[in-house]
Structure formats: C-alpha cells, structure tokens
PDB file of N, CA and C in Angstrom:
ATOM      1  N   MET A   1      21.769 -27.121  20.386  1.00  0.00           N
ATOM      2  CA  MET A   1      21.777 -26.017  21.333  1.00  0.00           C
ATOM      3  C   MET A   1      20.720 -25.000  20.916  1.00  0.00           C
ATOM      4  N   ALA A   2      19.904 -24.604  21.825  1.00  0.00           N
ATOM      5  CA  ALA A   2      18.855 -23.636  21.533  1.00  0.00           C
ATOM      6  C   ALA A   2      19.454 -22.249  21.340  1.00  0.00           C
ATOM      7  N   TYR A   3      18.856 -21.506  20.456  1.00  0.00           N
ATOM      8  CA  TYR A   3      19.293 -20.141  20.173  1.00  0.00           C
ATOM      9  C   TYR A   3      18.833 -19.230  21.305  1.00  0.00           C
ATOM     10  N   PRO A   4      19.767 -18.559  21.965  1.00  0.00           N
ATOM     11  CA  PRO A   4      19.369 -17.606  23.016  1.00  0.00           C
ATOM     12  C   PRO A   4      18.821 -16.341  22.374  1.00  0.00           C
ATOM     13  N   HIS A   5      17.526 -16.128  22.466  1.00  0.00           N
ATOM     14  CA  HIS A   5      16.845 -15.059  21.744  1.00  0.00           C
ATOM     15  C   HIS A   5      17.355 -13.666  22.077  1.00  0.00           C
ATOM     16  N   ASP A   6      18.022 -13.512  23.191  1.00  0.00           N
ATOM     17  CA  ASP A   6      18.552 -12.197  23.524  1.00  0.00           C
ATOM     18  C   ASP A   6      20.003 -12.041  23.080  1.00  0.00           C
ATOM     19  N   ALA A   7      20.538 -13.072  22.434  1.00  0.00           N
ATOM     20  CA  ALA A   7      21.918 -13.021  21.961  1.00  0.00           C
ATOM     21  C   ALA A   7      21.996 -12.224  20.661  1.00  0.00           C
ATOM     22  N   GLU A   8      23.170 -11.752  20.355  1.00  0.00           N
ATOM     23  CA  GLU A   8      23.394 -11.033  19.109  1.00  0.00           C
ATOM     24  C   GLU A   8      23.297 -12.002  17.939  1.00  0.00           C
ATOM     25  N   MET A   9      22.705 -11.559  16.853  1.00  0.00           N
ATOM     26  CA  MET A   9      22.547 -12.389  15.660  1.00  0.00           C
ATOM     27  C   MET A   9      23.919 -12.730  15.084  1.00  0.00           C
ATOM     28  N   PRO A  10      24.185 -14.016  14.830  1.00  0.00           N
ATOM     29  CA  PRO A  10      25.461 -14.367  14.211  1.00  0.00           C
ATOM     30  C   PRO A  10      25.481 -13.901  12.758  1.00  0.00           C
ATOM     31  N   GLU A  11      26.490 -13.115  12.418  1.00  0.00           N
ATOM     32  CA  GLU A  11      26.626 -12.565  11.076  1.00  0.00           C
ATOM     33  C   GLU A  11      28.080 -12.613  10.642  1.00  0.00           C
ATOM     34  N   ILE A  12      28.277 -12.719   9.326  1.00  0.00           N
ATOM     35  CA  ILE A  12      29.618 -12.640   8.756  1.00  0.00           C
ATOM     36  C   ILE A  12      29.559 -11.755   7.522  1.00  0.00           C
ATOM     37  N   GLY A  13      30.706 -11.206   7.158  1.00  0.00           N
ATOM     38  CA  GLY A  13      30.797 -10.398   5.953  1.00  0.00           C
ATOM     39  C   GLY A  13      30.962 -11.266   4.720  1.00  0.00           C
ATOM     40  N   ALA A  14      30.817 -10.646   3.573  1.00  0.00           N
ATOM     41  CA  ALA A  14      30.905 -11.362   2.303  1.00  0.00           C
ATOM     42  C   ALA A  14      32.271 -12.016   2.101  1.00  0.00           C
ATOM     43  N   ASP A  15      33.348 -11.317   2.461  1.00  0.00           N
ATOM     44  CA  ASP A  15      34.692 -11.889   2.284  1.00  0.00           C
ATOM     45  C   ASP A  15      34.838 -13.207   3.022  1.00  0.00           C
ATOM     46  N   GLU A  16      34.394 -13.225   4.285  1.00  0.00           N
ATOM     47  CA  GLU A  16      34.495 -14.456   5.080  1.00  0.00           C
ATOM     48  C   GLU A  16      33.570 -15.532   4.520  1.00  0.00           C
ATOM     49  N   ALA A  17      32.383 -15.139   4.084  1.00  0.00           N
ATOM     50  CA  ALA A  17      31.444 -16.107   3.510  1.00  0.00           C
ATOM     51  C   ALA A  17      32.028 -16.756   2.259  1.00  0.00           C
ATOM     52  N   ILE A  18      32.652 -15.955   1.410  1.00  0.00           N
ATOM     53  CA  ILE A  18      33.265 -16.474   0.183  1.00  0.00           C
ATOM     54  C   ILE A  18      34.325 -17.513   0.527  1.00  0.00           C
ATOM     55  N   GLU A  19      35.158 -17.217   1.511  1.00  0.00           N
ATOM     56  CA  GLU A  19      36.200 -18.159   1.935  1.00  0.00           C
ATOM     57  C   GLU A  19      35.596 -19.444   2.489  1.00  0.00           C
ATOM     58  N   LEU A  20      34.573 -19.311   3.331  1.00  0.00           N
ATOM     59  CA  LEU A  20      33.942 -20.491   3.923  1.00  0.00           C
ATOM     60  C   LEU A  20      33.283 -21.365   2.862  1.00  0.00           C
ATOM     61  N   VAL A  21      32.595 -20.737   1.910  1.00  0.00           N
ATOM     62  CA  VAL A  21      31.939 -21.500   0.842  1.00  0.00           C
ATOM     63  C   VAL A  21      32.982 -22.186  -0.036  1.00  0.00           C
ATOM     64  N   ALA A  22      34.089 -21.500  -0.320  1.00  0.00           N
ATOM     65  CA  ALA A  22      35.177 -22.118  -1.101  1.00  0.00           C
ATOM     66  C   ALA A  22      35.733 -23.340  -0.382  1.00  0.00           C
ATOM     67  N   GLY A  23      35.650 -23.336   0.951  1.00  0.00           N
ATOM     68  CA  GLY A  23      36.108 -24.468   1.753  1.00  0.00           C
ATOM     69  C   GLY A  23      35.046 -25.530   1.969  1.00  0.00           C
ATOM     70  N   GLY A  24      33.876 -25.362   1.347  1.00  0.00           N
ATOM     71  CA  GLY A  24      32.851 -26.393   1.430  1.00  0.00           C
ATOM     72  C   GLY A  24      31.646 -26.069   2.293  1.00  0.00           C
ATOM     73  N   ALA A  25      31.570 -24.859   2.844  1.00  0.00           N
ATOM     74  CA  ALA A  25      30.421 -24.488   3.677  1.00  0.00           C
ATOM     75  C   ALA A  25      29.143 -24.451   2.834  1.00  0.00           C
ATOM     76  N   THR A  26      28.007 -24.650   3.486  1.00  0.00           N
ATOM     77  CA  THR A  26      26.708 -24.660   2.819  1.00  0.00           C
ATOM     78  C   THR A  26      26.120 -23.257   2.788  1.00  0.00           C
ATOM     79  N   LEU A  27      25.821 -22.779   1.576  1.00  0.00           N
ATOM     80  CA  LEU A  27      25.228 -21.467   1.375  1.00  0.00           C
ATOM     81  C   LEU A  27      23.768 -21.653   0.963  1.00  0.00           C
ATOM     82  N   ILE A  28      22.862 -21.059   1.726  1.00  0.00           N
ATOM     83  CA  ILE A  28      21.434 -21.140   1.455  1.00  0.00           C
ATOM     84  C   ILE A  28      20.969 -19.778   0.944  1.00  0.00           C
ATOM     85  N   ASP A  29      20.452 -19.753  -0.281  1.00  0.00           N
ATOM     86  CA  ASP A  29      19.961 -18.523  -0.905  1.00  0.00           C
ATOM     87  C   ASP A  29      18.449 -18.481  -0.717  1.00  0.00           C
ATOM     88  N   VAL A  30      17.957 -17.456  -0.007  1.00  0.00           N
ATOM     89  CA  VAL A  30      16.534 -17.380   0.324  1.00  0.00           C
ATOM     90  C   VAL A  30      15.758 -16.413  -0.571  1.00  0.00           C
ATOM     91  N   ARG A  31      16.362 -16.003  -1.687  1.00  0.00           N
ATOM     92  CA  ARG A  31      15.665 -15.134  -2.631  1.00  0.00           C
ATOM     93  C   ARG A  31      14.644 -15.952  -3.425  1.00  0.00           C
ATOM     94  N   GLU A  32      13.845 -15.269  -4.214  1.00  0.00           N
ATOM     95  CA  GLU A  32      12.851 -15.939  -5.048  1.00  0.00           C
ATOM     96  C   GLU A  32      13.496 -16.434  -6.342  1.00  0.00           C
ATOM     97  N   GLN A  33      12.804 -17.334  -7.030  1.00  0.00           N
ATOM     98  CA  GLN A  33      13.338 -17.974  -8.230  1.00  0.00           C
ATOM     99  C   GLN A  33      13.809 -16.972  -9.278  1.00  0.00           C
ATOM    100  N   ASP A  34      13.043 -15.898  -9.528  1.00  0.00           N
ATOM    101  CA  ASP A  34      13.442 -14.927 -10.544  1.00  0.00           C
ATOM    102  C   ASP A  34      14.737 -14.216 -10.179  1.00  0.00           C
ATOM    103  N   GLU A  35      14.937 -13.970  -8.881  1.00  0.00           N
ATOM    104  CA  GLU A  35      16.193 -13.345  -8.431  1.00  0.00           C
ATOM    105  C   GLU A  35      17.355 -14.312  -8.616  1.00  0.00           C
ATOM    106  N   TRP A  36      17.134 -15.572  -8.260  1.00  0.00           N
ATOM    107  CA  TRP A  36      18.123 -16.638  -8.428  1.00  0.00           C
ATOM    108  C   TRP A  36      18.517 -16.746  -9.900  1.00  0.00           C
ATOM    109  N   ASP A  37      17.505 -16.754 -10.769  1.00  0.00           N
ATOM    110  CA  ASP A  37      17.752 -16.896 -12.198  1.00  0.00           C
ATOM    111  C   ASP A  37      18.594 -15.753 -12.759  1.00  0.00           C
ATOM    112  N   ALA A  38      18.528 -14.581 -12.146  1.00  0.00           N
ATOM    113  CA  ALA A  38      19.291 -13.418 -12.601  1.00  0.00           C
ATOM    114  C   ALA A  38      20.771 -13.514 -12.231  1.00  0.00           C
ATOM    115  N   GLY A  39      21.113 -14.386 -11.301  1.00  0.00           N
ATOM    116  CA  GLY A  39      22.498 -14.574 -10.888  1.00  0.00           C
ATOM    117  C   GLY A  39      22.574 -15.068  -9.466  1.00  0.00           C
ATOM    118  N   HIS A  40      23.415 -16.091  -9.237  1.00  0.00           N
ATOM    119  CA  HIS A  40      23.533 -16.680  -7.908  1.00  0.00           C
ATOM    120  C   HIS A  40      24.919 -17.295  -7.712  1.00  0.00           C
ATOM    121  N   ALA A  41      25.254 -17.542  -6.466  1.00  0.00           N
ATOM    122  CA  ALA A  41      26.516 -18.227  -6.165  1.00  0.00           C
ATOM    123  C   ALA A  41      26.396 -19.666  -6.678  1.00  0.00           C
ATOM    124  N   PRO A  42      27.386 -20.153  -7.412  1.00  0.00           N
ATOM    125  CA  PRO A  42      27.289 -21.460  -8.063  1.00  0.00           C
ATOM    126  C   PRO A  42      26.968 -22.634  -7.142  1.00  0.00           C
ATOM    127  N   THR A  43      27.465 -22.636  -5.935  1.00  0.00           N
ATOM    128  CA  THR A  43      27.241 -23.787  -5.052  1.00  0.00           C
ATOM    129  C   THR A  43      26.086 -23.595  -4.073  1.00  0.00           C
ATOM    130  N   ALA A  44      25.389 -22.476  -4.181  1.00  0.00           N
ATOM    131  CA  ALA A  44      24.287 -22.193  -3.250  1.00  0.00           C
ATOM    132  C   ALA A  44      23.111 -23.127  -3.480  1.00  0.00           C
ATOM    133  N   GLN A  45      22.352 -23.336  -2.424  1.00  0.00           N
ATOM    134  CA  GLN A  45      21.091 -24.081  -2.492  1.00  0.00           C
ATOM    135  C   GLN A  45      19.959 -23.068  -2.404  1.00  0.00           C
ATOM    136  N   LEU A  46      19.053 -23.079  -3.383  1.00  0.00           N
ATOM    137  CA  LEU A  46      17.923 -22.158  -3.381  1.00  0.00           C
ATOM    138  C   LEU A  46      16.816 -22.710  -2.481  1.00  0.00           C
ATOM    139  N   LEU A  47      16.403 -21.903  -1.527  1.00  0.00           N
ATOM    140  CA  LEU A  47      15.260 -22.218  -0.671  1.00  0.00           C
ATOM    141  C   LEU A  47      14.585 -20.894  -0.338  1.00  0.00           C
ATOM    142  N   PRO A  48      13.687 -20.430  -1.230  1.00  0.00           N
ATOM    143  CA  PRO A  48      13.074 -19.110  -1.049  1.00  0.00           C
ATOM    144  C   PRO A  48      12.402 -18.944   0.309  1.00  0.00           C
ATOM    145  N   MET A  49      12.532 -17.753   0.843  1.00  0.00           N
ATOM    146  CA  MET A  49      11.916 -17.435   2.128  1.00  0.00           C
ATOM    147  C   MET A  49      10.416 -17.717   2.096  1.00  0.00           C
ATOM    148  N   SER A  50       9.782 -17.494   0.951  1.00  0.00           N
ATOM    149  CA  SER A  50       8.334 -17.666   0.839  1.00  0.00           C
ATOM    150  C   SER A  50       7.878 -19.108   1.036  1.00  0.00           C
ATOM    151  N   VAL A  51       8.775 -20.077   0.867  1.00  0.00           N
ATOM    152  CA  VAL A  51       8.401 -21.486   1.027  1.00  0.00           C
ATOM    153  C   VAL A  51       9.205 -22.181   2.127  1.00  0.00           C
ATOM    154  N   LEU A  52       9.987 -21.426   2.835  1.00  0.00           N
ATOM    155  CA  LEU A  52      10.892 -22.005   3.825  1.00  0.00           C
ATOM    156  C   LEU A  52      10.176 -22.881   4.849  1.00  0.00           C
ATOM    157  N   ARG A  53       9.107 -22.395   5.419  1.00  0.00           N
ATOM    158  CA  ARG A  53       8.408 -23.173   6.454  1.00  0.00           C
ATOM    159  C   ARG A  53       7.930 -24.522   5.932  1.00  0.00           C
ATOM    160  N   ASP A  54       7.531 -24.593   4.661  1.00  0.00           N
ATOM    161  CA  ASP A  54       7.057 -25.844   4.073  1.00  0.00           C
ATOM    162  C   ASP A  54       8.192 -26.780   3.673  1.00  0.00           C
ATOM    163  N   ARG A  55       9.377 -26.225   3.464  1.00  0.00           N
ATOM    164  CA  ARG A  55      10.484 -27.034   2.941  1.00  0.00           C
ATOM    165  C   ARG A  55      11.712 -27.042   3.856  1.00  0.00           C
ATOM    166  N   ILE A  56      11.546 -26.622   5.106  1.00  0.00           N
ATOM    167  CA  ILE A  56      12.688 -26.503   6.018  1.00  0.00           C
ATOM    168  C   ILE A  56      13.417 -27.834   6.198  1.00  0.00           C
ATOM    169  N   ASP A  57      12.701 -28.947   6.038  1.00  0.00           N
ATOM    170  CA  ASP A  57      13.326 -30.258   6.215  1.00  0.00           C
ATOM    171  C   ASP A  57      14.318 -30.594   5.103  1.00  0.00           C
ATOM    172  N   GLU A  58      14.389 -29.776   4.058  1.00  0.00           N
ATOM    173  CA  GLU A  58      15.374 -29.978   2.992  1.00  0.00           C
ATOM    174  C   GLU A  58      16.769 -29.493   3.397  1.00  0.00           C
ATOM    175  N   LEU A  59      16.830 -28.735   4.479  1.00  0.00           N
ATOM    176  CA  LEU A  59      18.116 -28.192   4.919  1.00  0.00           C
ATOM    177  C   LEU A  59      18.928 -29.261   5.640  1.00  0.00           C
ATOM    178  N   PRO A  60      20.236 -29.259   5.405  1.00  0.00           N
ATOM    179  CA  PRO A  60      21.086 -30.207   6.129  1.00  0.00           C
ATOM    180  C   PRO A  60      21.165 -29.841   7.610  1.00  0.00           C
ATOM    181  N   THR A  61      21.216 -30.843   8.446  1.00  0.00           N
ATOM    182  CA  THR A  61      21.370 -30.615   9.881  1.00  0.00           C
ATOM    183  C   THR A  61      22.792 -30.977  10.287  1.00  0.00           C
ATOM    184  N   GLY A  62      23.207 -30.468  11.426  1.00  0.00           N
ATOM    185  CA  GLY A  62      24.521 -30.813  11.949  1.00  0.00           C
ATOM    186  C   GLY A  62      25.673 -30.059  11.318  1.00  0.00           C
ATOM    187  N   LYS A  63      25.370 -29.059  10.509  1.00  0.00           N
ATOM    188  CA  LYS A  63      26.436 -28.242   9.938  1.00  0.00           C
ATOM    189  C   LYS A  63      25.970 -26.803   9.873  1.00  0.00           C
ATOM    190  N   GLN A  64      26.920 -25.895   9.822  1.00  0.00           N
ATOM    191  CA  GLN A  64      26.594 -24.478   9.779  1.00  0.00           C
ATOM    192  C   GLN A  64      26.038 -24.109   8.404  1.00  0.00           C
ATOM    193  N   LEU A  65      24.985 -23.297   8.428  1.00  0.00           N
ATOM    194  CA  LEU A  65      24.362 -22.815   7.207  1.00  0.00           C
ATOM    195  C   LEU A  65      24.606 -21.315   7.078  1.00  0.00           C
ATOM    196  N   LEU A  66      25.152 -20.892   5.957  1.00  0.00           N
ATOM    197  CA  LEU A  66      25.316 -19.478   5.667  1.00  0.00           C
ATOM    198  C   LEU A  66      24.091 -19.061   4.875  1.00  0.00           C
ATOM    199  N   VAL A  67      23.394 -18.027   5.320  1.00  0.00           N
ATOM    200  CA  VAL A  67      22.121 -17.622   4.715  1.00  0.00           C
ATOM    201  C   VAL A  67      22.313 -16.290   3.999  1.00  0.00           C
ATOM    202  N   ILE A  68      21.894 -16.258   2.722  1.00  0.00           N
ATOM    203  CA  ILE A  68      22.102 -15.071   1.894  1.00  0.00           C
ATOM    204  C   ILE A  68      20.826 -14.730   1.132  1.00  0.00           C
ATOM    205  N   CYS A  69      20.632 -13.431   0.872  1.00  0.00           N
ATOM    206  CA  CYS A  69      19.524 -12.961   0.038  1.00  0.00           C
ATOM    207  C   CYS A  69      20.088 -11.887  -0.889  1.00  0.00           C
ATOM    208  N   HIS A  70      19.292 -10.890  -1.230  1.00  0.00           N
ATOM    209  CA  HIS A  70      19.792  -9.836  -2.118  1.00  0.00           C
ATOM    210  C   HIS A  70      20.682  -8.845  -1.369  1.00  0.00           C
ATOM    211  N   SER A  71      20.157  -8.299  -0.262  1.00  0.00           N
ATOM    212  CA  SER A  71      20.918  -7.268   0.450  1.00  0.00           C
ATOM    213  C   SER A  71      21.078  -7.529   1.945  1.00  0.00           C
ATOM    214  N   GLY A  72      20.500  -8.597   2.459  1.00  0.00           N
ATOM    215  CA  GLY A  72      20.711  -8.962   3.860  1.00  0.00           C
ATOM    216  C   GLY A  72      19.492  -8.895   4.755  1.00  0.00           C
ATOM    217  N   GLY A  73      18.379  -8.345   4.292  1.00  0.00           N
ATOM    218  CA  GLY A  73      17.196  -8.223   5.136  1.00  0.00           C
ATOM    219  C   GLY A  73      16.445  -9.532   5.323  1.00  0.00           C
ATOM    220  N   ARG A  74      16.121 -10.187   4.222  1.00  0.00           N
ATOM    221  CA  ARG A  74      15.410 -11.472   4.312  1.00  0.00           C
ATOM    222  C   ARG A  74      16.275 -12.528   4.978  1.00  0.00           C
ATOM    223  N   SER A  75      17.555 -12.542   4.633  1.00  0.00           N
ATOM    224  CA  SER A  75      18.431 -13.556   5.218  1.00  0.00           C
ATOM    225  C   SER A  75      18.565 -13.370   6.728  1.00  0.00           C
ATOM    226  N   LEU A  76      18.483 -12.142   7.199  1.00  0.00           N
ATOM    227  CA  LEU A  76      18.512 -11.879   8.634  1.00  0.00           C
ATOM    228  C   LEU A  76      17.294 -12.520   9.301  1.00  0.00           C
ATOM    229  N   ARG A  77      16.113 -12.340   8.711  1.00  0.00           N
ATOM    230  CA  ARG A  77      14.889 -12.928   9.268  1.00  0.00           C
ATOM    231  C   ARG A  77      14.924 -14.452   9.201  1.00  0.00           C
ATOM    232  N   VAL A  78      15.420 -14.996   8.089  1.00  0.00           N
ATOM    233  CA  VAL A  78      15.510 -16.451   7.949  1.00  0.00           C
ATOM    234  C   VAL A  78      16.528 -17.019   8.923  1.00  0.00           C
ATOM    235  N   THR A  79      17.649 -16.347   9.089  1.00  0.00           N
ATOM    236  CA  THR A  79      18.656 -16.807  10.052  1.00  0.00           C
ATOM    237  C   THR A  79      18.052 -16.894  11.437  1.00  0.00           C
ATOM    238  N   ASP A  80      17.290 -15.885  11.825  1.00  0.00           N
ATOM    239  CA  ASP A  80      16.626 -15.889  13.123  1.00  0.00           C
ATOM    240  C   ASP A  80      15.682 -17.087  13.247  1.00  0.00           C
ATOM    241  N   LEU A  81      14.873 -17.325  12.227  1.00  0.00           N
ATOM    242  CA  LEU A  81      13.947 -18.461  12.228  1.00  0.00           C
ATOM    243  C   LEU A  81      14.699 -19.786  12.335  1.00  0.00           C
ATOM    244  N   LEU A  82      15.780 -19.927  11.567  1.00  0.00           N
ATOM    245  CA  LEU A  82      16.551 -21.174  11.595  1.00  0.00           C
ATOM    246  C   LEU A  82      17.188 -21.399  12.966  1.00  0.00           C
ATOM    247  N   LEU A  83      17.731 -20.357  13.540  1.00  0.00           N
ATOM    248  CA  LEU A  83      18.324 -20.481  14.869  1.00  0.00           C
ATOM    249  C   LEU A  83      17.275 -20.926  15.885  1.00  0.00           C
ATOM    250  N   LYS A  84      16.104 -20.340  15.817  1.00  0.00           N
ATOM    251  CA  LYS A  84      15.014 -20.705  16.733  1.00  0.00           C
ATOM    252  C   LYS A  84      14.522 -22.130  16.482  1.00  0.00           C
ATOM    253  N   SER A  85      14.778 -22.656  15.278  1.00  0.00           N
ATOM    254  CA  SER A  85      14.373 -24.016  14.924  1.00  0.00           C
ATOM    255  C   SER A  85      15.483 -25.032  15.183  1.00  0.00           C
ATOM    256  N   GLY A  86      16.594 -24.578  15.777  1.00  0.00           N
ATOM    257  CA  GLY A  86      17.670 -25.496  16.147  1.00  0.00           C
ATOM    258  C   GLY A  86      18.791 -25.645  15.141  1.00  0.00           C
ATOM    259  N   TYR A  87      18.766 -24.879  14.060  1.00  0.00           N
ATOM    260  CA  TYR A  87      19.841 -24.934  13.074  1.00  0.00           C
ATOM    261  C   TYR A  87      20.985 -24.008  13.482  1.00  0.00           C
ATOM    262  N   ASP A  88      22.182 -24.323  13.012  1.00  0.00           N
ATOM    263  CA  ASP A  88      23.361 -23.474  13.200  1.00  0.00           C
ATOM    264  C   ASP A  88      23.443 -22.585  11.966  1.00  0.00           C
ATOM    265  N   ALA A  89      22.871 -21.389  12.050  1.00  0.00           N
ATOM    266  CA  ALA A  89      22.773 -20.502  10.892  1.00  0.00           C
ATOM    267  C   ALA A  89      23.478 -19.180  11.152  1.00  0.00           C
ATOM    268  N   VAL A  90      24.018 -18.601  10.067  1.00  0.00           N
ATOM    269  CA  VAL A  90      24.729 -17.328  10.121  1.00  0.00           C
ATOM    270  C   VAL A  90      24.264 -16.476   8.949  1.00  0.00           C
ATOM    271  N   ASN A  91      23.930 -15.228   9.215  1.00  0.00           N
ATOM    272  CA  ASN A  91      23.514 -14.290   8.183  1.00  0.00           C
ATOM    273  C   ASN A  91      24.732 -13.722   7.450  1.00  0.00           C
ATOM    274  N   VAL A  92      24.650 -13.667   6.114  1.00  0.00           N
ATOM    275  CA  VAL A  92      25.695 -13.029   5.315  1.00  0.00           C
ATOM    276  C   VAL A  92      25.291 -11.565   5.127  1.00  0.00           C
ATOM    277  N   ILE A  93      26.031 -10.678   5.773  1.00  0.00           N
ATOM    278  CA  ILE A  93      25.735  -9.242   5.742  1.00  0.00           C
ATOM    279  C   ILE A  93      25.871  -8.707   4.314  1.00  0.00           C
ATOM    280  N   GLY A  94      24.876  -7.964   3.879  1.00  0.00           N
ATOM    281  CA  GLY A  94      24.925  -7.325   2.562  1.00  0.00           C
ATOM    282  C   GLY A  94      24.475  -8.202   1.413  1.00  0.00           C
ATOM    283  N   GLY A  95      24.211  -9.464   1.682  1.00  0.00           N
ATOM    284  CA  GLY A  95      23.658 -10.372   0.682  1.00  0.00           C
ATOM    285  C   GLY A  95      24.491 -10.530  -0.578  1.00  0.00           C
ATOM    286  N   MET A  96      23.793 -10.886  -1.673  1.00  0.00           N
ATOM    287  CA  MET A  96      24.467 -11.105  -2.952  1.00  0.00           C
ATOM    288  C   MET A  96      25.088  -9.828  -3.493  1.00  0.00           C
ATOM    289  N   THR A  97      24.558  -8.686  -3.097  1.00  0.00           N
ATOM    290  CA  THR A  97      25.158  -7.412  -3.509  1.00  0.00           C
ATOM    291  C   THR A  97      26.585  -7.329  -2.979  1.00  0.00           C
ATOM    292  N   ALA A  98      26.765  -7.616  -1.687  1.00  0.00           N
ATOM    293  CA  ALA A  98      28.098  -7.591  -1.075  1.00  0.00           C
ATOM    294  C   ALA A  98      28.956  -8.744  -1.589  1.00  0.00           C
ATOM    295  N   TRP A  99      28.339  -9.919  -1.780  1.00  0.00           N
ATOM    296  CA  TRP A  99      29.053 -11.096  -2.287  1.00  0.00           C
ATOM    297  C   TRP A  99      29.708 -10.769  -3.633  1.00  0.00           C
ATOM    298  N   ALA A 100      28.926 -10.229  -4.562  1.00  0.00           N
ATOM    299  CA  ALA A 100      29.455  -9.901  -5.892  1.00  0.00           C
ATOM    300  C   ALA A 100      30.507  -8.795  -5.812  1.00  0.00           C
ATOM    301  N   ALA A 101      30.265  -7.781  -4.985  1.00  0.00           N
ATOM    302  CA  ALA A 101      31.218  -6.675  -4.841  1.00  0.00           C
ATOM    303  C   ALA A 101      32.544  -7.150  -4.259  1.00  0.00           C
ATOM    304  N   ALA A 102      32.501  -8.202  -3.449  1.00  0.00           N
ATOM    305  CA  ALA A 102      33.721  -8.742  -2.839  1.00  0.00           C
ATOM    306  C   ALA A 102      34.430  -9.736  -3.759  1.00  0.00           C
ATOM    307  N   GLY A 103      33.896  -9.940  -4.947  1.00  0.00           N
ATOM    308  CA  GLY A 103      34.537 -10.832  -5.907  1.00  0.00           C
ATOM    309  C   GLY A 103      34.091 -12.271  -5.817  1.00  0.00           C
ATOM    310  N   GLY A 104      32.996 -12.530  -5.107  1.00  0.00           N
ATOM    311  CA  GLY A 104      32.480 -13.890  -5.020  1.00  0.00           C
ATOM    312  C   GLY A 104      31.971 -14.361  -6.369  1.00  0.00           C
ATOM    313  N   PRO A 105      32.083 -15.649  -6.639  1.00  0.00           N
ATOM    314  CA  PRO A 105      31.620 -16.156  -7.932  1.00  0.00           C
ATOM    315  C   PRO A 105      30.097 -16.017  -8.059  1.00  0.00           C
ATOM    316  N   VAL A 106      29.666 -15.602  -9.227  1.00  0.00           N
ATOM    317  CA  VAL A 106      28.234 -15.452  -9.510  1.00  0.00           C
ATOM    318  C   VAL A 106      27.961 -16.132 -10.862  1.00  0.00           C
ATOM    319  N   GLU A 107      27.068 -17.083 -10.832  1.00  0.00           N
ATOM    320  CA  GLU A 107      26.660 -17.763 -12.057  1.00  0.00           C
ATOM    321  C   GLU A 107      25.551 -16.937 -12.696  1.00  0.00           C
ATOM    322  N   GLN A 108      25.809 -16.473 -13.901  1.00  0.00           N
ATOM    323  CA  GLN A 108      24.858 -15.632 -14.622  1.00  0.00           C
ATOM    324  C   GLN A 108      24.063 -16.498 -15.605  1.00  0.00           C
ATOM    325  N   PRO A 109      22.857 -16.057 -15.965  1.00  0.00           N
ATOM    326  CA  PRO A 109      22.085 -16.807 -16.947  1.00  0.00           C
ATOM    327  C   PRO A 109      22.765 -16.755 -18.317  1.00  0.00           C
ATOM    328  N   ALA A 110      22.514 -17.782 -19.126  1.00  0.00           N
ATOM    329  CA  ALA A 110      23.064 -17.801 -20.487  1.00  0.00           C
ATOM    330  C   ALA A 110      22.455 -16.669 -21.290  1.00  0.00           C
ATOM    331  N   GLN A 111      23.282 -15.968 -22.028  1.00  0.00           N
ATOM    332  CA  GLN A 111      22.810 -14.831 -22.827  1.00  0.00           C
ATOM    333  C   GLN A 111      22.379 -15.282 -24.198  1.00  0.00           C
TER     334      GLN A 111
END
C-alpha cells in the first residue's frame, strides 16, 4: 500500500515500542555507529541514516518496522522515506532518550 503523503505520520511512544519489541517487532536504529556503540536496544538492527539509501534492501519486507534514533528527528525523516518506499514503518517518538527513560533495555559498552 502506498503511503498517502498527506496522511499523518505514524508514530508510537516509547512505552508501546518497548512492548512491541518485547513481542518480536523489528526495531531499526538509524543513528551512527558511534552513537550505537554508546548504547542501544539489544535487539535493534543498526542501519544509519547516512547509508540508508545504499542499504535499504537489508530491511525486512512484509512486516512493520519501528524506527528509532537519538531523540526522534532522524527517525521521523527515515520513517517518511520508508513509507514512501513501500515499507510499513512507524516512528518512535523521543528516540533512545525516551526509550531509556521508559525503562527499555539498553545494551551498554563493556567498561
């Protein structure tokens, strides 16, 4: 189904995203490698926004993708791009900042 460009952007809060990911939903982290290395959701797939166009075929099709970044700005733009490309994508409002504040699991680097 094509994304209706005049439709409201599909978004969910961190609490709902945490529940969906715990149930097996696919979380796509669009931050850069250094941000990922500083801490990320354990089951997330890293696909930085900077390389998305070159690697978009790595994304699973036929399932909903939850898109997350640091605070929600990049993931909003990526969600829009994915929707226009035929993916079922949803922006996670507030990004990893909201995810961590809501108690979502965060894998930290070894100290």
